[in-house]
Amino acid sequence: WLSEAPDDIAGIMRALRDIAMAKGIAAIAQDTGLSKEVLNNSFNHQEELSFATVLKIVKALGVTFHAQASF
């Protein structure tokens, strides 16, 4: 999915939200140190996140990102 729509930030957040909902927002909040309110606002596009915060969420979800040069 990321290779097909890498610029779809809203789609990325929807995918992360779906995973977080399956794991439980409270557990993700505890693992990241973020409040449930911040997480919910982030997943609902009401709050812009820093890349550092996105990485915290990704780590708490057990998801990994891989970077590869494309030239």
PDB file of N, CA and C in Angstrom:
ATOM      1  N   TRP A   1       0.813  -1.190   0.000  1.00  0.00           N
ATOM      2  CA  TRP A   1       0.000   0.000   0.000  1.00  0.00           C
ATOM      3  C   TRP A   1       0.857   1.254   0.000  1.00  0.00           C
ATOM      4  N   LEU A   2       1.893   1.299   0.824  1.00  0.00           N
ATOM      5  CA  LEU A   2       2.749   2.479   0.872  1.00  0.00           C
ATOM      6  C   LEU A   2       3.469   2.711  -0.453  1.00  0.00           C
ATOM      7  N   SER A   3       3.813   1.660  -1.149  1.00  0.00           N
ATOM      8  CA  SER A   3       4.488   1.836  -2.435  1.00  0.00           C
ATOM      9  C   SER A   3       3.533   2.360  -3.506  1.00  0.00           C
ATOM     10  N   GLU A   4       2.248   2.087  -3.355  1.00  0.00           N
ATOM     11  CA  GLU A   4       1.262   2.552  -4.330  1.00  0.00           C
ATOM     12  C   GLU A   4       0.786   3.972  -4.067  1.00  0.00           C
ATOM     13  N   ALA A   5       0.803   4.407  -2.811  1.00  0.00           N
ATOM     14  CA  ALA A   5       0.311   5.747  -2.467  1.00  0.00           C
ATOM     15  C   ALA A   5       1.175   6.373  -1.372  1.00  0.00           C
ATOM     16  N   PRO A   6       2.476   6.555  -1.630  1.00  0.00           N
ATOM     17  CA  PRO A   6       3.373   7.039  -0.575  1.00  0.00           C
ATOM     18  C   PRO A   6       3.087   8.468  -0.114  1.00  0.00           C
ATOM     19  N   ASP A   7       2.377   9.252  -0.906  1.00  0.00           N
ATOM     20  CA  ASP A   7       2.077  10.633  -0.541  1.00  0.00           C
ATOM     21  C   ASP A   7       0.738  10.793   0.147  1.00  0.00           C
ATOM     22  N   ASP A   8       0.036   9.714   0.371  1.00  0.00           N
ATOM     23  CA  ASP A   8      -1.287   9.754   0.985  1.00  0.00           C
ATOM     24  C   ASP A   8      -1.149   9.713   2.509  1.00  0.00           C
ATOM     25  N   ILE A   9      -0.824  10.862   3.092  1.00  0.00           N
ATOM     26  CA  ILE A   9      -0.610  10.946   4.534  1.00  0.00           C
ATOM     27  C   ILE A   9      -1.877  10.552   5.292  1.00  0.00           C
ATOM     28  N   ALA A  10      -3.019  10.994   4.820  1.00  0.00           N
ATOM     29  CA  ALA A  10      -4.281  10.639   5.482  1.00  0.00           C
ATOM     30  C   ALA A  10      -4.482   9.126   5.455  1.00  0.00           C
ATOM     31  N   GLY A  11      -4.134   8.500   4.352  1.00  0.00           N
ATOM     32  CA  GLY A  11      -4.257   7.054   4.246  1.00  0.00           C
ATOM     33  C   GLY A  11      -3.316   6.327   5.185  1.00  0.00           C
ATOM     34  N   ILE A  12      -2.108   6.846   5.320  1.00  0.00           N
ATOM     35  CA  ILE A  12      -1.142   6.261   6.257  1.00  0.00           C
ATOM     36  C   ILE A  12      -1.692   6.345   7.673  1.00  0.00           C
ATOM     37  N   MET A  13      -2.236   7.486   8.042  1.00  0.00           N
ATOM     38  CA  MET A  13      -2.788   7.651   9.390  1.00  0.00           C
ATOM     39  C   MET A  13      -4.005   6.755   9.594  1.00  0.00           C
ATOM     40  N   ARG A  14      -4.816   6.553   8.559  1.00  0.00           N
ATOM     41  CA  ARG A  14      -5.957   5.631   8.681  1.00  0.00           C
ATOM     42  C   ARG A  14      -5.471   4.213   8.945  1.00  0.00           C
ATOM     43  N   ALA A  15      -4.420   3.814   8.242  1.00  0.00           N
ATOM     44  CA  ALA A  15      -3.876   2.469   8.436  1.00  0.00           C
ATOM     45  C   ALA A  15      -3.311   2.328   9.851  1.00  0.00           C
ATOM     46  N   LEU A  16      -2.578   3.338  10.309  1.00  0.00           N
ATOM     47  CA  LEU A  16      -2.044   3.292  11.674  1.00  0.00           C
ATOM     48  C   LEU A  16      -3.170   3.298  12.705  1.00  0.00           C
ATOM     49  N   ARG A  17      -4.229   4.065  12.435  1.00  0.00           N
ATOM     50  CA  ARG A  17      -5.377   4.106  13.345  1.00  0.00           C
ATOM     51  C   ARG A  17      -6.038   2.731  13.439  1.00  0.00           C
ATOM     52  N   ASP A  18      -6.198   2.073  12.295  1.00  0.00           N
ATOM     53  CA  ASP A  18      -6.826   0.748  12.296  1.00  0.00           C
ATOM     54  C   ASP A  18      -6.015  -0.236  13.133  1.00  0.00           C
ATOM     55  N   ILE A  19      -4.701  -0.186  12.996  1.00  0.00           N
ATOM     56  CA  ILE A  19      -3.839  -1.070  13.782  1.00  0.00           C
ATOM     57  C   ILE A  19      -3.924  -0.709  15.259  1.00  0.00           C
ATOM     58  N   ALA A  20      -3.915   0.602  15.553  1.00  0.00           N
ATOM     59  CA  ALA A  20      -3.995   1.058  16.943  1.00  0.00           C
ATOM     60  C   ALA A  20      -5.318   0.660  17.585  1.00  0.00           C
ATOM     61  N   MET A  21      -6.408   0.756  16.838  1.00  0.00           N
ATOM     62  CA  MET A  21      -7.711   0.368  17.372  1.00  0.00           C
ATOM     63  C   MET A  21      -7.732  -1.130  17.693  1.00  0.00           C
ATOM     64  N   ALA A  22      -7.088  -1.920  16.842  1.00  0.00           N
ATOM     65  CA  ALA A  22      -7.040  -3.359  17.081  1.00  0.00           C
ATOM     66  C   ALA A  22      -6.216  -3.684  18.330  1.00  0.00           C
ATOM     67  N   LYS A  23      -5.145  -2.937  18.524  1.00  0.00           N
ATOM     68  CA  LYS A  23      -4.288  -3.171  19.695  1.00  0.00           C
ATOM     69  C   LYS A  23      -4.869  -2.533  20.944  1.00  0.00           C
ATOM     70  N   GLY A  24      -5.585  -1.425  20.762  1.00  0.00           N
ATOM     71  CA  GLY A  24      -6.170  -0.686  21.878  1.00  0.00           C
ATOM     72  C   GLY A  24      -5.472   0.646  22.075  1.00  0.00           C
ATOM     73  N   ILE A  25      -6.238   1.714  21.967  1.00  0.00           N
ATOM     74  CA  ILE A  25      -5.676   3.066  22.089  1.00  0.00           C
ATOM     75  C   ILE A  25      -5.008   3.256  23.446  1.00  0.00           C
ATOM     76  N   ALA A  26      -5.588   2.713  24.491  1.00  0.00           N
ATOM     77  CA  ALA A  26      -5.000   2.875  25.834  1.00  0.00           C
ATOM     78  C   ALA A  26      -3.606   2.261  25.889  1.00  0.00           C
ATOM     79  N   ALA A  27      -3.435   1.101  25.269  1.00  0.00           N
ATOM     80  CA  ALA A  27      -2.120   0.454  25.255  1.00  0.00           C
ATOM     81  C   ALA A  27      -1.114   1.271  24.457  1.00  0.00           C
ATOM     82  N   ILE A  28      -1.557   1.815  23.331  1.00  0.00           N
ATOM     83  CA  ILE A  28      -0.666   2.646  22.509  1.00  0.00           C
ATOM     84  C   ILE A  28      -0.302   3.919  23.257  1.00  0.00           C
ATOM     85  N   ALA A  29      -1.271   4.512  23.936  1.00  0.00           N
ATOM     86  CA  ALA A  29      -1.005   5.721  24.729  1.00  0.00           C
ATOM     87  C   ALA A  29       0.055   5.426  25.791  1.00  0.00           C
ATOM     88  N   GLN A  30      -0.091   4.307  26.460  1.00  0.00           N
ATOM     89  CA  GLN A  30       0.880   3.947  27.497  1.00  0.00           C
ATOM     90  C   GLN A  30       2.262   3.705  26.892  1.00  0.00           C
ATOM     91  N   ASP A  31       2.328   2.999  25.772  1.00  0.00           N
ATOM     92  CA  ASP A  31       3.607   2.682  25.140  1.00  0.00           C
ATOM     93  C   ASP A  31       4.312   3.907  24.577  1.00  0.00           C
ATOM     94  N   THR A  32       3.541   4.903  24.128  1.00  0.00           N
ATOM     95  CA  THR A  32       4.138   6.097  23.517  1.00  0.00           C
ATOM     96  C   THR A  32       4.338   7.242  24.501  1.00  0.00           C
ATOM     97  N   GLY A  33       3.609   7.203  25.603  1.00  0.00           N
ATOM     98  CA  GLY A  33       3.644   8.338  26.531  1.00  0.00           C
ATOM     99  C   GLY A  33       2.741   9.475  26.089  1.00  0.00           C
ATOM    100  N   LEU A  34       1.930   9.240  25.069  1.00  0.00           N
ATOM    101  CA  LEU A  34       0.981  10.245  24.584  1.00  0.00           C
ATOM    102  C   LEU A  34      -0.375   9.976  25.202  1.00  0.00           C
ATOM    103  N   SER A  35      -1.175  11.008  25.325  1.00  0.00           N
ATOM    104  CA  SER A  35      -2.514  10.814  25.874  1.00  0.00           C
ATOM    105  C   SER A  35      -3.426  10.198  24.820  1.00  0.00           C
ATOM    106  N   LYS A  36      -4.490   9.559  25.280  1.00  0.00           N
ATOM    107  CA  LYS A  36      -5.481   8.995  24.357  1.00  0.00           C
ATOM    108  C   LYS A  36      -6.096  10.100  23.515  1.00  0.00           C
ATOM    109  N   GLU A  37      -6.290  11.276  24.124  1.00  0.00           N
ATOM    110  CA  GLU A  37      -6.875  12.402  23.393  1.00  0.00           C
ATOM    111  C   GLU A  37      -5.970  12.835  22.243  1.00  0.00           C
ATOM    112  N   VAL A  38      -4.669  12.940  22.493  1.00  0.00           N
ATOM    113  CA  VAL A  38      -3.729  13.318  21.431  1.00  0.00           C
ATOM    114  C   VAL A  38      -3.742  12.277  20.320  1.00  0.00           C
ATOM    115  N   LEU A  39      -3.737  10.996  20.693  1.00  0.00           N
ATOM    116  CA  LEU A  39      -3.766   9.945  19.681  1.00  0.00           C
ATOM    117  C   LEU A  39      -5.049  10.005  18.857  1.00  0.00           C
ATOM    118  N   ASN A  40      -6.188  10.130  19.522  1.00  0.00           N
ATOM    119  CA  ASN A  40      -7.459  10.199  18.792  1.00  0.00           C
ATOM    120  C   ASN A  40      -7.503  11.405  17.872  1.00  0.00           C
ATOM    121  N   ASN A  41      -7.055  12.558  18.352  1.00  0.00           N
ATOM    122  CA  ASN A  41      -7.028  13.759  17.514  1.00  0.00           C
ATOM    123  C   ASN A  41      -6.094  13.578  16.324  1.00  0.00           C
ATOM    124  N   SER A  42      -4.980  12.908  16.560  1.00  0.00           N
ATOM    125  CA  SER A  42      -4.017  12.672  15.484  1.00  0.00           C
ATOM    126  C   SER A  42      -4.606  11.768  14.421  1.00  0.00           C
ATOM    127  N   PHE A  43      -5.241  10.704  14.842  1.00  0.00           N
ATOM    128  CA  PHE A  43      -5.809   9.758  13.898  1.00  0.00           C
ATOM    129  C   PHE A  43      -7.011  10.341  13.168  1.00  0.00           C
ATOM    130  N   ASN A  44      -7.655  11.336  13.742  1.00  0.00           N
ATOM    131  CA  ASN A  44      -8.813  11.976  13.113  1.00  0.00           C
ATOM    132  C   ASN A  44      -8.439  13.265  12.408  1.00  0.00           C
ATOM    133  N   HIS A  45      -7.147  13.471  12.167  1.00  0.00           N
ATOM    134  CA  HIS A  45      -6.628  14.616  11.412  1.00  0.00           C
ATOM    135  C   HIS A  45      -6.907  15.953  12.077  1.00  0.00           C
ATOM    136  N   GLN A  46      -7.106  15.954  13.384  1.00  0.00           N
ATOM    137  CA  GLN A  46      -7.371  17.207  14.074  1.00  0.00           C
ATOM    138  C   GLN A  46      -6.086  17.800  14.649  1.00  0.00           C
ATOM    139  N   GLU A  47      -5.026  17.031  14.622  1.00  0.00           N
ATOM    140  CA  GLU A  47      -3.764  17.505  15.178  1.00  0.00           C
ATOM    141  C   GLU A  47      -2.639  17.036  14.272  1.00  0.00           C
ATOM    142  N   GLU A  48      -1.735  17.952  13.926  1.00  0.00           N
ATOM    143  CA  GLU A  48      -0.617  17.593  13.085  1.00  0.00           C
ATOM    144  C   GLU A  48       0.492  17.017  13.956  1.00  0.00           C
ATOM    145  N   LEU A  49       1.078  15.925  13.510  1.00  0.00           N
ATOM    146  CA  LEU A  49       2.094  15.243  14.296  1.00  0.00           C
ATOM    147  C   LEU A  49       3.487  15.500  13.745  1.00  0.00           C
ATOM    148  N   SER A  50       4.454  15.503  14.643  1.00  0.00           N
ATOM    149  CA  SER A  50       5.843  15.547  14.204  1.00  0.00           C
ATOM    150  C   SER A  50       6.236  14.146  13.748  1.00  0.00           C
ATOM    151  N   PHE A  51       7.293  14.050  12.985  1.00  0.00           N
ATOM    152  CA  PHE A  51       7.765  12.752  12.529  1.00  0.00           C
ATOM    153  C   PHE A  51       8.213  11.914  13.722  1.00  0.00           C
ATOM    154  N   ALA A  52       8.776  12.546  14.735  1.00  0.00           N
ATOM    155  CA  ALA A  52       9.199  11.834  15.939  1.00  0.00           C
ATOM    156  C   ALA A  52       8.007  11.166  16.621  1.00  0.00           C
ATOM    157  N   THR A  53       6.880  11.854  16.652  1.00  0.00           N
ATOM    158  CA  THR A  53       5.671  11.288  17.264  1.00  0.00           C
ATOM    159  C   THR A  53       5.140  10.138  16.432  1.00  0.00           C
ATOM    160  N   VAL A  54       5.145  10.289  15.113  1.00  0.00           N
ATOM    161  CA  VAL A  54       4.712   9.202  14.236  1.00  0.00           C
ATOM    162  C   VAL A  54       5.594   7.977  14.471  1.00  0.00           C
ATOM    163  N   LEU A  55       6.894   8.180  14.608  1.00  0.00           N
ATOM    164  CA  LEU A  55       7.792   7.058  14.858  1.00  0.00           C
ATOM    165  C   LEU A  55       7.496   6.383  16.195  1.00  0.00           C
ATOM    166  N   LYS A  56       7.124   7.158  17.227  1.00  0.00           N
ATOM    167  CA  LYS A  56       6.725   6.569  18.512  1.00  0.00           C
ATOM    168  C   LYS A  56       5.511   5.666  18.338  1.00  0.00           C
ATOM    169  N   ILE A  57       4.539   6.158  17.577  1.00  0.00           N
ATOM    170  CA  ILE A  57       3.311   5.393  17.344  1.00  0.00           C
ATOM    171  C   ILE A  57       3.633   4.123  16.567  1.00  0.00           C
ATOM    172  N   VAL A  58       4.437   4.261  15.521  1.00  0.00           N
ATOM    173  CA  VAL A  58       4.806   3.115  14.694  1.00  0.00           C
ATOM    174  C   VAL A  58       5.515   2.059  15.540  1.00  0.00           C
ATOM    175  N   LYS A  59       6.433   2.499  16.382  1.00  0.00           N
ATOM    176  CA  LYS A  59       7.170   1.562  17.244  1.00  0.00           C
ATOM    177  C   LYS A  59       6.214   0.856  18.207  1.00  0.00           C
ATOM    178  N   ALA A  60       5.298   1.603  18.804  1.00  0.00           N
ATOM    179  CA  ALA A  60       4.337   1.017  19.743  1.00  0.00           C
ATOM    180  C   ALA A  60       3.412   0.011  19.049  1.00  0.00           C
ATOM    181  N   LEU A  61       3.156   0.218  17.770  1.00  0.00           N
ATOM    182  CA  LEU A  61       2.299  -0.690  17.011  1.00  0.00           C
ATOM    183  C   LEU A  61       3.042  -1.931  16.532  1.00  0.00           C
ATOM    184  N   GLY A  62       4.364  -1.892  16.622  1.00  0.00           N
ATOM    185  CA  GLY A  62       5.151  -3.017  16.132  1.00  0.00           C
ATOM    186  C   GLY A  62       5.314  -3.011  14.627  1.00  0.00           C
ATOM    187  N   VAL A  63       5.171  -1.822  14.036  1.00  0.00           N
ATOM    188  CA  VAL A  63       5.298  -1.658  12.590  1.00  0.00           C
ATOM    189  C   VAL A  63       6.685  -1.087  12.312  1.00  0.00           C
ATOM    190  N   THR A  64       7.280  -1.479  11.198  1.00  0.00           N
ATOM    191  CA  THR A  64       8.571  -0.916  10.824  1.00  0.00           C
ATOM    192  C   THR A  64       8.473  -0.265   9.458  1.00  0.00           C
ATOM    193  N   PHE A  65       9.223   0.809   9.306  1.00  0.00           N
ATOM    194  CA  PHE A  65       9.359   1.475   8.010  1.00  0.00           C
ATOM    195  C   PHE A  65      10.764   1.209   7.503  1.00  0.00           C
ATOM    196  N   HIS A  66      10.900   1.026   6.201  1.00  0.00           N
ATOM    197  CA  HIS A  66      12.195   0.847   5.588  1.00  0.00           C
ATOM    198  C   HIS A  66      12.371   1.920   4.527  1.00  0.00           C
ATOM    199  N   ALA A  67      13.518   2.559   4.530  1.00  0.00           N
ATOM    200  CA  ALA A  67      13.818   3.578   3.518  1.00  0.00           C
ATOM    201  C   ALA A  67      14.744   2.980   2.460  1.00  0.00           C
ATOM    202  N   GLN A  68      14.506   3.370   1.219  1.00  0.00           N
ATOM    203  CA  GLN A  68      15.334   2.873   0.134  1.00  0.00           C
ATOM    204  C   GLN A  68      15.495   3.996  -0.876  1.00  0.00           C
ATOM    205  N   ALA A  69      16.724   4.219  -1.293  1.00  0.00           N
ATOM    206  CA  ALA A  69      16.982   5.249  -2.307  1.00  0.00           C
ATOM    207  C   ALA A  69      16.350   4.830  -3.628  1.00  0.00           C
ATOM    208  N   SER A  70      15.764   5.793  -4.304  1.00  0.00           N
ATOM    209  CA  SER A  70      15.126   5.491  -5.593  1.00  0.00           C
ATOM    210  C   SER A  70      15.713   6.397  -6.672  1.00  0.00           C
ATOM    211  N   PHE A  71      16.888   6.028  -7.106  1.00  0.00           N
ATOM    212  CA  PHE A  71      17.511   6.801  -8.187  1.00  0.00           C
ATOM    213  C   PHE A  71      18.071   5.898  -9.225  1.00  0.00           C
TER     214      PHE A  71
END
